[in-house]
Structures are given as C-alpha cells and as structure tokens.
Amino acid sequence: MGNILIKMAEIKDLSPSERHVADYILEHYKDVCSMGIVELSEKTFTSTTTVKRLCRKLGIDSYTSFRMMLSAAQNQYKHQDILRGNRAPVSRYDSVGEVLEKVSQQNAASILDTSHIVDGATLETVVSLMAAAKRIDFYGVGPSNVVAKDAQFKCMRLKIPSTAFSDRVSMLIQAKNTENGVLAFLISYTGETDDIIEVAQELRRHRVDTVALTASTDNSVARICKYTLCVDASESWDRLGGMSSRISTLNVIDALFTALLNTNYDQFIRDMVDTCVNNRTKSTERK
C-alpha cells in the first residue's frame, strides 16, 4: 500500500479529531512507533476509538499493524524531511527566484512521494498488459490530455497503435467501439472529471482492461477502473490547471514506458531507430 506516512499526509476524508491524530503522528512518528494506543490517544486528547477509525481509513485492520508499518516507513520518510519541509506554497509577494525555487521543490517532492505510493505489483501487471495490448488508448481532458498526448507519442516511437483524443464525443465513440485486446488509461487527477467517468463506465461495459492514473484518494475513476496507479495528492485547490500532479503523472508514464522497453528491448530499439530514420527521410523529401 506504499508509505503509510505519505498516505496519512495526503488522505482527505478525515474528521477534525482524526486529522489531529494524523498530524501528531506525522510530527512525532519516531515516538509513536513505541507508543501504545492509549498513550497516543492521551497525547492527542482524543480517544482510542478515534485512533482505530484513523487506522481503518488508512486500510489497516489494527493499531498493532499500523505501528509495524509506521516503523518500516519512517526511514524512507525521514530522508525526505528536508524536501518536504521546503514544500511551501507560493505567495503572491514572492520574487521570481522564490517562485522558481518553490515550484521546483513542489514538483520534486511530488515525484518522490508518487514513487512511494505507486503499488509495485500493479505497476508490473500494467506493464505486462501494455506489452500484450494490440492498441493502447489514453483518455484525458485539459492538462491530463497533455499527459495522454505525451504517452501516445511514446507509443508512436515504439510502433504501438494508440489514440489520445481530446474531446468528449471522440473519446466516447472510441470507447464504444473498443474491442478485446485493447488497454485503456483513464487520466484524471481528481478522479471526478465527468467526461472521463463517462468514458470509464463505457469501457467497463465493454469489459476493456482499464487503468486509472489518479490521485491517491477514493474517487469515481479509481472505483470504476480495473487497475489504479496513484500519484501524489497534495496539490492545492487553487492549482494553475495542474502543476505538480501533471509532473508526477508524466513521471509514472515515463516509468511505465521505460519498463515496457525492457520487456522486448532489442525489438523496441529497432522500432525506435526505424521511426527516427523514416521521420528524417520524410523531412529531407519535403525540403
């Protein structure tokens, strides 16, 4: 399930008391590893019931299991403390240099956090599905369509048939006419984009293998799709279209295609060389 501390920092559906417990654990995770549930509830001025509810919302069945996962996660989390501490929001009064530094820190932290919440087994399964697919379709609107187009371009270089339509009508027509053997990626940071939900439902009716690329929160697209690859969910509500979420999603796409390349390295390298040669030949002929 990835790093429990990162998941705790990003989970949204917590009550005020549960959020207070989560914040306390994030600030004192080294101490909490040796605390019993009663001591933690006393330290946070809550109750053992609140702590148990937090564990359940994190997908953990007991506080004992939670402490074991916390202990295993803390070393990885500790190495990112400096970077995470610098993840300050951009202020309207920041200089251009300060904006550059803060945006860069946010993007870097988002990529690192995403690498720790993506499920390795699911990633391997998706790469295998990509290798076997006769076509790969990418669905996304707005900033997510930028990611979809980038993924389609990678498919073109590897001579893999693919699509990445940007309008609702084309996406729905494609989904309704999808046959067996096609793999579909549904890209939506919030997981609540109406067009993508509609496409995902259509693909599920046709029993198409679907992969959600979405935030690590409970959302509609993740519930509909067969597989889910999560990205960092800490981007604020006032984001400019999609910044660190786009970067972290592109990073997952890069990881997928790099792993795919390794499944049949010699053939894919030949395909890429052929594609480059053909493009150069066409460019020369136009001149």
C-alpha atoms as a PDB file:
ATOM      1  CA  MET A   1       0.000   0.000   0.000  1.00  0.00           C
ATOM      2  CA  GLY A   2       3.020   2.294  -0.212  1.00  0.00           C
ATOM      3  CA  ASN A   3       4.460   4.511   2.510  1.00  0.00           C
ATOM      4  CA  ILE A   4       1.894   4.871   5.291  1.00  0.00           C
ATOM      5  CA  LEU A   5       3.233   8.275   6.355  1.00  0.00           C
ATOM      6  CA  ILE A   6       2.823   9.704   2.864  1.00  0.00           C
ATOM      7  CA  LYS A   7      -0.678   8.263   2.633  1.00  0.00           C
ATOM      8  CA  MET A   8      -1.522   9.778   6.023  1.00  0.00           C
ATOM      9  CA  ALA A   9      -0.332  13.202   4.876  1.00  0.00           C
ATOM     10  CA  GLU A  10      -2.482  13.033   1.742  1.00  0.00           C
ATOM     11  CA  ILE A  11      -5.711  11.365   2.907  1.00  0.00           C
ATOM     12  CA  LYS A  12      -8.621  13.785   2.701  1.00  0.00           C
ATOM     13  CA  ASP A  13     -11.724  12.170   4.263  1.00  0.00           C
ATOM     14  CA  LEU A  14     -10.799  12.582   7.939  1.00  0.00           C
ATOM     15  CA  SER A  15     -12.821  14.127  10.747  1.00  0.00           C
ATOM     16  CA  PRO A  16     -11.176  17.019  12.660  1.00  0.00           C
ATOM     17  CA  SER A  17     -10.182  14.689  15.509  1.00  0.00           C
ATOM     18  CA  GLU A  18      -8.773  12.078  13.112  1.00  0.00           C
ATOM     19  CA  ARG A  19      -6.845  14.790  11.248  1.00  0.00           C
ATOM     20  CA  HIS A  20      -5.428  15.977  14.576  1.00  0.00           C
ATOM     21  CA  VAL A  21      -4.178  12.457  15.364  1.00  0.00           C
ATOM     22  CA  ALA A  22      -2.694  12.110  11.869  1.00  0.00           C
ATOM     23  CA  ASP A  23      -0.897  15.462  12.160  1.00  0.00           C
ATOM     24  CA  TYR A  24       0.502  14.482  15.559  1.00  0.00           C
ATOM     25  CA  ILE A  25       1.819  11.200  14.160  1.00  0.00           C
ATOM     26  CA  LEU A  26       3.433  12.983  11.196  1.00  0.00           C
ATOM     27  CA  GLU A  27       5.221  15.368  13.587  1.00  0.00           C
ATOM     28  CA  HIS A  28       6.242  12.696  16.119  1.00  0.00           C
ATOM     29  CA  TYR A  29       6.395   9.487  14.052  1.00  0.00           C
ATOM     30  CA  LYS A  30       9.594   8.291  15.742  1.00  0.00           C
ATOM     31  CA  ASP A  31       7.993   8.475  19.192  1.00  0.00           C
ATOM     32  CA  VAL A  32       4.668   6.990  18.071  1.00  0.00           C
ATOM     33  CA  CYS A  33       6.427   3.781  16.972  1.00  0.00           C
ATOM     34  CA  SER A  34       6.889   2.927  20.649  1.00  0.00           C
ATOM     35  CA  MET A  35       3.511   4.238  21.878  1.00  0.00           C
ATOM     36  CA  GLY A  36       0.517   2.125  22.770  1.00  0.00           C
ATOM     37  CA  ILE A  37      -2.907   3.162  21.529  1.00  0.00           C
ATOM     38  CA  VAL A  38      -3.947   4.518  24.935  1.00  0.00           C
ATOM     39  CA  GLU A  39      -0.845   6.718  25.209  1.00  0.00           C
ATOM     40  CA  LEU A  40      -1.357   8.073  21.672  1.00  0.00           C
ATOM     41  CA  SER A  41      -4.982   8.938  22.409  1.00  0.00           C
ATOM     42  CA  GLU A  42      -3.918  10.741  25.590  1.00  0.00           C
ATOM     43  CA  LYS A  43      -1.151  12.656  23.790  1.00  0.00           C
ATOM     44  CA  THR A  44      -3.638  13.839  21.165  1.00  0.00           C
ATOM     45  CA  PHE A  45      -6.507  14.470  23.623  1.00  0.00           C
ATOM     46  CA  THR A  46      -8.739  12.107  21.652  1.00  0.00           C
ATOM     47  CA  SER A  47      -9.896   8.528  22.223  1.00  0.00           C
ATOM     48  CA  THR A  48      -8.746   5.042  21.279  1.00  0.00           C
ATOM     49  CA  THR A  49     -11.850   4.839  19.070  1.00  0.00           C
ATOM     50  CA  THR A  50     -10.614   7.824  17.055  1.00  0.00           C
ATOM     51  CA  VAL A  51      -7.207   6.206  16.570  1.00  0.00           C
ATOM     52  CA  LYS A  52      -8.852   2.954  15.443  1.00  0.00           C
ATOM     53  CA  ARG A  53     -11.045   4.848  12.967  1.00  0.00           C
ATOM     54  CA  LEU A  54      -7.958   6.517  11.514  1.00  0.00           C
ATOM     55  CA  CYS A  55      -6.308   3.105  11.077  1.00  0.00           C
ATOM     56  CA  ARG A  56      -9.365   1.747   9.267  1.00  0.00           C
ATOM     57  CA  LYS A  57      -9.492   4.724   6.916  1.00  0.00           C
ATOM     58  CA  LEU A  58      -5.845   4.057   6.103  1.00  0.00           C
ATOM     59  CA  GLY A  59      -6.799   0.467   5.226  1.00  0.00           C
ATOM     60  CA  ILE A  60      -5.157  -1.078   8.310  1.00  0.00           C
ATOM     61  CA  ASP A  61      -7.072  -3.534  10.481  1.00  0.00           C
ATOM     62  CA  SER A  62      -5.346  -2.917  13.825  1.00  0.00           C
ATOM     63  CA  TYR A  63      -3.182  -0.410  15.685  1.00  0.00           C
ATOM     64  CA  THR A  64      -0.512  -3.087  16.128  1.00  0.00           C
ATOM     65  CA  SER A  65      -0.265  -3.484  12.355  1.00  0.00           C
ATOM     66  CA  PHE A  66      -0.204   0.283  12.000  1.00  0.00           C
ATOM     67  CA  ARG A  67       2.805   0.597  14.338  1.00  0.00           C
ATOM     68  CA  MET A  68       4.671  -2.078  12.385  1.00  0.00           C
ATOM     69  CA  MET A  69       4.029  -0.255   9.104  1.00  0.00           C
ATOM     70  CA  LEU A  70       4.974   3.047  10.700  1.00  0.00           C
ATOM     71  CA  SER A  71       8.282   1.639  11.853  1.00  0.00           C
ATOM     72  CA  ALA A  72       9.026   0.277   8.376  1.00  0.00           C
ATOM     73  CA  ALA A  73       8.107   3.571   6.686  1.00  0.00           C
ATOM     74  CA  GLN A  74       9.959   6.057   8.862  1.00  0.00           C
ATOM     75  CA  ASN A  75      13.449   5.679   7.382  1.00  0.00           C
ATOM     76  CA  GLN A  76      12.204   6.374   3.871  1.00  0.00           C
ATOM     77  CA  TYR A  77      10.116   9.280   5.136  1.00  0.00           C
ATOM     78  CA  LYS A  78      12.981  10.714   7.181  1.00  0.00           C
ATOM     79  CA  HIS A  79      15.178  11.010   4.092  1.00  0.00           C
ATOM     80  CA  GLN A  80      12.589  13.332   2.557  1.00  0.00           C
ATOM     81  CA  ASP A  81      12.017  15.560   5.588  1.00  0.00           C
ATOM     82  CA  ILE A  82      14.147  18.426   4.284  1.00  0.00           C
ATOM     83  CA  LEU A  83      12.494  18.416   0.886  1.00  0.00           C
ATOM     84  CA  ARG A  84       9.019  18.063   2.353  1.00  0.00           C
ATOM     85  CA  GLY A  85       9.694  20.859   4.813  1.00  0.00           C
ATOM     86  CA  ASN A  86      10.537  23.170   1.923  1.00  0.00           C
ATOM     87  CA  ARG A  87       7.264  22.405   0.169  1.00  0.00           C
ATOM     88  CA  ALA A  88       5.914  25.857   0.987  1.00  0.00           C
ATOM     89  CA  PRO A  89       3.081  27.387  -1.060  1.00  0.00           C
ATOM     90  CA  VAL A  90       3.864  30.199  -3.459  1.00  0.00           C
ATOM     91  CA  SER A  91       2.923  33.624  -2.112  1.00  0.00           C
ATOM     92  CA  ARG A  92       1.660  36.497  -4.263  1.00  0.00           C
ATOM     93  CA  TYR A  93       4.560  38.569  -2.902  1.00  0.00           C
ATOM     94  CA  ASP A  94       7.320  36.055  -3.762  1.00  0.00           C
ATOM     95  CA  SER A  95      10.091  37.118  -6.109  1.00  0.00           C
ATOM     96  CA  VAL A  96      10.571  35.328  -9.429  1.00  0.00           C
ATOM     97  CA  GLY A  97      13.528  33.474  -7.909  1.00  0.00           C
ATOM     98  CA  GLU A  98      11.455  32.370  -4.911  1.00  0.00           C
ATOM     99  CA  VAL A  99       8.647  31.201  -7.214  1.00  0.00           C
ATOM    100  CA  LEU A 100      11.111  29.112  -9.230  1.00  0.00           C
ATOM    101  CA  GLU A 101      12.541  27.530  -6.076  1.00  0.00           C
ATOM    102  CA  LYS A 102       9.143  26.738  -4.518  1.00  0.00           C
ATOM    103  CA  VAL A 103       7.594  25.330  -7.699  1.00  0.00           C
ATOM    104  CA  SER A 104      10.698  23.199  -8.270  1.00  0.00           C
ATOM    105  CA  GLN A 105      10.567  21.913  -4.678  1.00  0.00           C
ATOM    106  CA  GLN A 106       6.869  21.075  -5.017  1.00  0.00           C
ATOM    107  CA  ASN A 107       7.397  19.207  -8.281  1.00  0.00           C
ATOM    108  CA  ALA A 108      10.387  17.277  -6.947  1.00  0.00           C
ATOM    109  CA  ALA A 109       8.553  16.316  -3.753  1.00  0.00           C
ATOM    110  CA  SER A 110       5.515  15.236  -5.762  1.00  0.00           C
ATOM    111  CA  ILE A 111       7.621  12.889  -7.905  1.00  0.00           C
ATOM    112  CA  LEU A 112       9.314  11.366  -4.833  1.00  0.00           C
ATOM    113  CA  ASP A 113       6.054  10.914  -2.963  1.00  0.00           C
ATOM    114  CA  THR A 114       4.439   9.328  -6.026  1.00  0.00           C
ATOM    115  CA  SER A 115       7.296   6.828  -6.344  1.00  0.00           C
ATOM    116  CA  HIS A 116       6.497   5.626  -2.819  1.00  0.00           C
ATOM    117  CA  ILE A 117       2.708   5.299  -3.198  1.00  0.00           C
ATOM    118  CA  VAL A 118       2.565   3.536  -6.577  1.00  0.00           C
ATOM    119  CA  ASP A 119       1.895  -0.151  -5.947  1.00  0.00           C
ATOM    120  CA  GLY A 120       4.772  -2.177  -7.408  1.00  0.00           C
ATOM    121  CA  ALA A 121       2.671  -5.266  -8.178  1.00  0.00           C
ATOM    122  CA  THR A 122       0.071  -3.203 -10.026  1.00  0.00           C
ATOM    123  CA  LEU A 123       2.822  -1.428 -11.951  1.00  0.00           C
ATOM    124  CA  GLU A 124       4.236  -4.783 -13.116  1.00  0.00           C
ATOM    125  CA  THR A 125       0.780  -6.004 -14.128  1.00  0.00           C
ATOM    126  CA  VAL A 126       0.114  -2.857 -16.150  1.00  0.00           C
ATOM    127  CA  VAL A 127       3.469  -3.139 -17.951  1.00  0.00           C
ATOM    128  CA  SER A 128       2.602  -6.747 -18.885  1.00  0.00           C
ATOM    129  CA  LEU A 129      -0.776  -5.606 -20.208  1.00  0.00           C
ATOM    130  CA  MET A 130       0.920  -2.879 -22.250  1.00  0.00           C
ATOM    131  CA  ALA A 131       3.302  -5.431 -23.764  1.00  0.00           C
ATOM    132  CA  ALA A 132       0.391  -7.690 -24.781  1.00  0.00           C
ATOM    133  CA  ALA A 133      -2.028  -4.979 -25.962  1.00  0.00           C
ATOM    134  CA  LYS A 134      -2.836  -4.634 -29.652  1.00  0.00           C
ATOM    135  CA  ARG A 135      -3.634  -0.959 -29.050  1.00  0.00           C
ATOM    136  CA  ILE A 136      -3.287   1.431 -26.111  1.00  0.00           C
ATOM    137  CA  ASP A 137      -5.774   4.281 -25.701  1.00  0.00           C
ATOM    138  CA  PHE A 138      -5.227   7.272 -23.435  1.00  0.00           C
ATOM    139  CA  TYR A 139      -8.132   9.355 -22.174  1.00  0.00           C
ATOM    140  CA  GLY A 140      -7.727  12.752 -20.508  1.00  0.00           C
ATOM    141  CA  VAL A 141      -9.068  16.281 -20.786  1.00  0.00           C
ATOM    142  CA  GLY A 142      -7.352  19.607 -20.112  1.00  0.00           C
ATOM    143  CA  PRO A 143      -3.912  19.183 -18.506  1.00  0.00           C
ATOM    144  CA  SER A 144      -4.492  15.417 -18.391  1.00  0.00           C
ATOM    145  CA  ASN A 145      -4.755  15.364 -22.177  1.00  0.00           C
ATOM    146  CA  VAL A 146      -1.217  16.775 -22.289  1.00  0.00           C
ATOM    147  CA  VAL A 147      -0.132  13.637 -20.427  1.00  0.00           C
ATOM    148  CA  ALA A 148      -2.229  11.489 -22.775  1.00  0.00           C
ATOM    149  CA  LYS A 149      -0.608  13.064 -25.849  1.00  0.00           C
ATOM    150  CA  ASP A 150       2.859  12.509 -24.382  1.00  0.00           C
ATOM    151  CA  ALA A 151       2.039   8.834 -23.816  1.00  0.00           C
ATOM    152  CA  GLN A 152       0.647   8.499 -27.342  1.00  0.00           C
ATOM    153  CA  PHE A 153       3.860   9.979 -28.747  1.00  0.00           C
ATOM    154  CA  LYS A 154       5.863   7.331 -26.883  1.00  0.00           C
ATOM    155  CA  CYS A 155       3.621   4.650 -28.404  1.00  0.00           C
ATOM    156  CA  MET A 156       4.243   6.085 -31.880  1.00  0.00           C
ATOM    157  CA  ARG A 157       8.004   5.833 -31.379  1.00  0.00           C
ATOM    158  CA  LEU A 158       7.592   2.166 -30.412  1.00  0.00           C
ATOM    159  CA  LYS A 159       5.179   1.498 -33.312  1.00  0.00           C
ATOM    160  CA  ILE A 160       2.330   0.709 -30.899  1.00  0.00           C
ATOM    161  CA  PRO A 161      -1.123   1.701 -32.229  1.00  0.00           C
ATOM    162  CA  SER A 162      -2.656   4.266 -29.883  1.00  0.00           C
ATOM    163  CA  THR A 163      -5.105   7.145 -29.530  1.00  0.00           C
ATOM    164  CA  ALA A 164      -5.361  10.223 -27.321  1.00  0.00           C
ATOM    165  CA  PHE A 165      -8.472  12.163 -28.295  1.00  0.00           C
ATOM    166  CA  SER A 166      -9.143  15.441 -26.516  1.00  0.00           C
ATOM    167  CA  ASP A 167     -12.899  15.942 -26.990  1.00  0.00           C
ATOM    168  CA  ARG A 168     -15.762  14.099 -25.297  1.00  0.00           C
ATOM    169  CA  VAL A 169     -17.502  12.907 -28.468  1.00  0.00           C
ATOM    170  CA  SER A 170     -14.369  11.344 -29.989  1.00  0.00           C
ATOM    171  CA  MET A 171     -13.464   9.694 -26.684  1.00  0.00           C
ATOM    172  CA  LEU A 172     -16.932   8.191 -26.276  1.00  0.00           C
ATOM    173  CA  ILE A 173     -17.043   6.922 -29.871  1.00  0.00           C
ATOM    174  CA  GLN A 174     -13.646   5.325 -29.367  1.00  0.00           C
ATOM    175  CA  ALA A 175     -14.749   3.737 -26.075  1.00  0.00           C
ATOM    176  CA  LYS A 176     -17.954   2.342 -27.585  1.00  0.00           C
ATOM    177  CA  ASN A 177     -16.034   0.740 -30.450  1.00  0.00           C
ATOM    178  CA  THR A 178     -13.204  -0.714 -28.360  1.00  0.00           C
ATOM    179  CA  GLU A 179     -12.570  -4.427 -28.833  1.00  0.00           C
ATOM    180  CA  ASN A 180     -10.842  -7.099 -26.774  1.00  0.00           C
ATOM    181  CA  GLY A 181      -7.078  -6.767 -26.534  1.00  0.00           C
ATOM    182  CA  VAL A 182      -7.091  -3.004 -26.100  1.00  0.00           C
ATOM    183  CA  LEU A 183      -5.725  -1.379 -22.946  1.00  0.00           C
ATOM    184  CA  ALA A 184      -7.144   1.985 -21.836  1.00  0.00           C
ATOM    185  CA  PHE A 185      -5.611   4.558 -19.496  1.00  0.00           C
ATOM    186  CA  LEU A 186      -8.018   6.981 -17.785  1.00  0.00           C
ATOM    187  CA  ILE A 187      -6.075  10.046 -16.654  1.00  0.00           C
ATOM    188  CA  SER A 188      -7.725  12.353 -14.122  1.00  0.00           C
ATOM    189  CA  TYR A 189      -6.007  13.899 -11.098  1.00  0.00           C
ATOM    190  CA  THR A 190      -9.245  14.425  -9.163  1.00  0.00           C
ATOM    191  CA  GLY A 191     -10.860  11.252 -10.460  1.00  0.00           C
ATOM    192  CA  GLU A 192     -14.118  13.174 -10.728  1.00  0.00           C
ATOM    193  CA  THR A 193     -13.919  14.581 -14.278  1.00  0.00           C
ATOM    194  CA  ASP A 194     -17.361  13.941 -15.786  1.00  0.00           C
ATOM    195  CA  ASP A 195     -16.116  13.131 -19.305  1.00  0.00           C
ATOM    196  CA  ILE A 196     -13.565  10.629 -18.013  1.00  0.00           C
ATOM    197  CA  ILE A 197     -16.088   8.981 -15.666  1.00  0.00           C
ATOM    198  CA  GLU A 198     -18.479   8.567 -18.609  1.00  0.00           C
ATOM    199  CA  VAL A 199     -15.738   7.038 -20.777  1.00  0.00           C
ATOM    200  CA  ALA A 200     -14.625   4.731 -17.941  1.00  0.00           C
ATOM    201  CA  GLN A 201     -18.185   3.460 -17.493  1.00  0.00           C
ATOM    202  CA  GLU A 202     -18.491   2.799 -21.229  1.00  0.00           C
ATOM    203  CA  LEU A 203     -15.205   0.898 -21.273  1.00  0.00           C
ATOM    204  CA  ARG A 204     -16.270  -1.194 -18.293  1.00  0.00           C
ATOM    205  CA  ARG A 205     -19.482  -2.140 -20.113  1.00  0.00           C
ATOM    206  CA  HIS A 206     -17.296  -3.434 -22.937  1.00  0.00           C
ATOM    207  CA  ARG A 207     -15.059  -5.303 -20.443  1.00  0.00           C
ATOM    208  CA  VAL A 208     -11.961  -3.425 -21.524  1.00  0.00           C
ATOM    209  CA  ASP A 209      -8.902  -3.540 -19.270  1.00  0.00           C
ATOM    210  CA  THR A 210      -8.694  -0.053 -17.753  1.00  0.00           C
ATOM    211  CA  VAL A 211      -6.000   1.701 -15.741  1.00  0.00           C
ATOM    212  CA  ALA A 212      -6.722   4.810 -13.676  1.00  0.00           C
ATOM    213  CA  LEU A 213      -3.932   7.361 -13.319  1.00  0.00           C
ATOM    214  CA  THR A 214      -5.305   9.455 -10.495  1.00  0.00           C
ATOM    215  CA  ALA A 215      -4.767  10.902  -7.036  1.00  0.00           C
ATOM    216  CA  SER A 216      -4.288   8.558  -4.094  1.00  0.00           C
ATOM    217  CA  THR A 217      -7.779   9.275  -2.793  1.00  0.00           C
ATOM    218  CA  ASP A 218     -11.070   7.434  -3.025  1.00  0.00           C
ATOM    219  CA  ASN A 219     -12.615   8.710  -6.279  1.00  0.00           C
ATOM    220  CA  SER A 220     -15.023   7.677  -9.030  1.00  0.00           C
ATOM    221  CA  VAL A 221     -12.496   6.890 -11.768  1.00  0.00           C
ATOM    222  CA  ALA A 222     -10.420   4.680  -9.455  1.00  0.00           C
ATOM    223  CA  ARG A 223     -13.547   2.785  -8.388  1.00  0.00           C
ATOM    224  CA  ILE A 224     -14.609   2.124 -11.995  1.00  0.00           C
ATOM    225  CA  CYS A 225     -11.222   1.084 -13.414  1.00  0.00           C
ATOM    226  CA  LYS A 226      -9.783  -2.388 -13.013  1.00  0.00           C
ATOM    227  CA  TYR A 227      -6.309  -1.135 -12.030  1.00  0.00           C
ATOM    228  CA  THR A 228      -5.170   2.061 -10.330  1.00  0.00           C
ATOM    229  CA  LEU A 229      -1.808   3.801 -10.344  1.00  0.00           C
ATOM    230  CA  CYS A 230      -1.812   6.599  -7.790  1.00  0.00           C
ATOM    231  CA  VAL A 231       0.003   9.919  -7.945  1.00  0.00           C
ATOM    232  CA  ASP A 232       0.745  12.421  -5.188  1.00  0.00           C
ATOM    233  CA  ALA A 233      -2.473  14.049  -3.950  1.00  0.00           C
ATOM    234  CA  SER A 234      -1.137  17.110  -2.142  1.00  0.00           C
ATOM    235  CA  GLU A 235      -1.796  19.699  -4.853  1.00  0.00           C
ATOM    236  CA  SER A 236      -3.933  22.575  -3.557  1.00  0.00           C
ATOM    237  CA  TRP A 237      -7.388  23.518  -4.824  1.00  0.00           C
ATOM    238  CA  ASP A 238      -6.119  26.749  -6.442  1.00  0.00           C
ATOM    239  CA  ARG A 239      -3.590  24.972  -8.679  1.00  0.00           C
ATOM    240  CA  LEU A 240      -2.941  26.590 -12.066  1.00  0.00           C
ATOM    241  CA  GLY A 241      -4.584  23.914 -14.224  1.00  0.00           C
ATOM    242  CA  GLY A 242      -2.315  21.143 -12.981  1.00  0.00           C
ATOM    243  CA  MET A 243       1.311  21.513 -11.983  1.00  0.00           C
ATOM    244  CA  SER A 244       2.977  19.014  -9.649  1.00  0.00           C
ATOM    245  CA  SER A 245       0.185  16.495 -10.384  1.00  0.00           C
ATOM    246  CA  ARG A 246       0.976  16.711 -14.104  1.00  0.00           C
ATOM    247  CA  ILE A 247       4.700  16.306 -13.448  1.00  0.00           C
ATOM    248  CA  SER A 248       4.200  13.270 -11.203  1.00  0.00           C
ATOM    249  CA  THR A 249       1.764  11.675 -13.672  1.00  0.00           C
ATOM    250  CA  LEU A 250       4.212  12.211 -16.539  1.00  0.00           C
ATOM    251  CA  ASN A 251       6.861  10.568 -14.361  1.00  0.00           C
ATOM    252  CA  VAL A 252       4.673   7.481 -13.922  1.00  0.00           C
ATOM    253  CA  ILE A 253       4.162   7.377 -17.709  1.00  0.00           C
ATOM    254  CA  ASP A 254       7.943   7.581 -18.176  1.00  0.00           C
ATOM    255  CA  ALA A 255       8.443   4.699 -15.731  1.00  0.00           C
ATOM    256  CA  LEU A 256       5.811   2.581 -17.485  1.00  0.00           C
ATOM    257  CA  PHE A 257       7.320   3.028 -20.934  1.00  0.00           C
ATOM    258  CA  THR A 258      10.873   2.504 -19.707  1.00  0.00           C
ATOM    259  CA  ALA A 259       9.788  -0.771 -18.094  1.00  0.00           C
ATOM    260  CA  LEU A 260       7.873  -1.673 -21.265  1.00  0.00           C
ATOM    261  CA  LEU A 261      11.027  -1.083 -23.316  1.00  0.00           C
ATOM    262  CA  ASN A 262      12.842  -3.647 -21.182  1.00  0.00           C
ATOM    263  CA  THR A 263      10.232  -6.337 -21.917  1.00  0.00           C
ATOM    264  CA  ASN A 264      11.444  -6.615 -25.537  1.00  0.00           C
ATOM    265  CA  TYR A 265      14.458  -4.335 -25.637  1.00  0.00           C
ATOM    266  CA  ASP A 266      16.051  -5.319 -28.966  1.00  0.00           C
ATOM    267  CA  GLN A 267      12.801  -5.129 -30.929  1.00  0.00           C
ATOM    268  CA  PHE A 268      11.706  -1.821 -29.406  1.00  0.00           C
ATOM    269  CA  ILE A 269      15.121  -0.276 -30.065  1.00  0.00           C
ATOM    270  CA  ARG A 270      14.853  -1.335 -33.715  1.00  0.00           C
ATOM    271  CA  ASP A 271      11.374   0.180 -33.892  1.00  0.00           C
ATOM    272  CA  MET A 272      12.603   3.482 -32.461  1.00  0.00           C
ATOM    273  CA  VAL A 273      15.522   3.610 -34.899  1.00  0.00           C
ATOM    274  CA  ASP A 274      13.182   2.861 -37.820  1.00  0.00           C
ATOM    275  CA  THR A 275      10.811   5.607 -36.693  1.00  0.00           C
ATOM    276  CA  CYS A 276      13.617   8.158 -36.469  1.00  0.00           C
ATOM    277  CA  VAL A 277      15.020   7.181 -39.893  1.00  0.00           C
ATOM    278  CA  ASN A 278      11.588   7.412 -41.520  1.00  0.00           C
ATOM    279  CA  ASN A 279      10.958  10.835 -39.989  1.00  0.00           C
ATOM    280  CA  ARG A 280      14.315  12.135 -41.220  1.00  0.00           C
ATOM    281  CA  THR A 281      13.695  10.741 -44.705  1.00  0.00           C
ATOM    282  CA  LYS A 282      10.295  12.429 -44.929  1.00  0.00           C
ATOM    283  CA  SER A 283      11.745  15.704 -43.661  1.00  0.00           C
ATOM    284  CA  THR A 284      14.502  15.564 -46.318  1.00  0.00           C
ATOM    285  CA  GLU A 285      11.984  14.826 -49.088  1.00  0.00           C
ATOM    286  CA  ARG A 286       9.876  17.856 -48.104  1.00  0.00           C
ATOM    287  CA  LYS A 287      12.943  20.082 -48.404  1.00  0.00           C
END
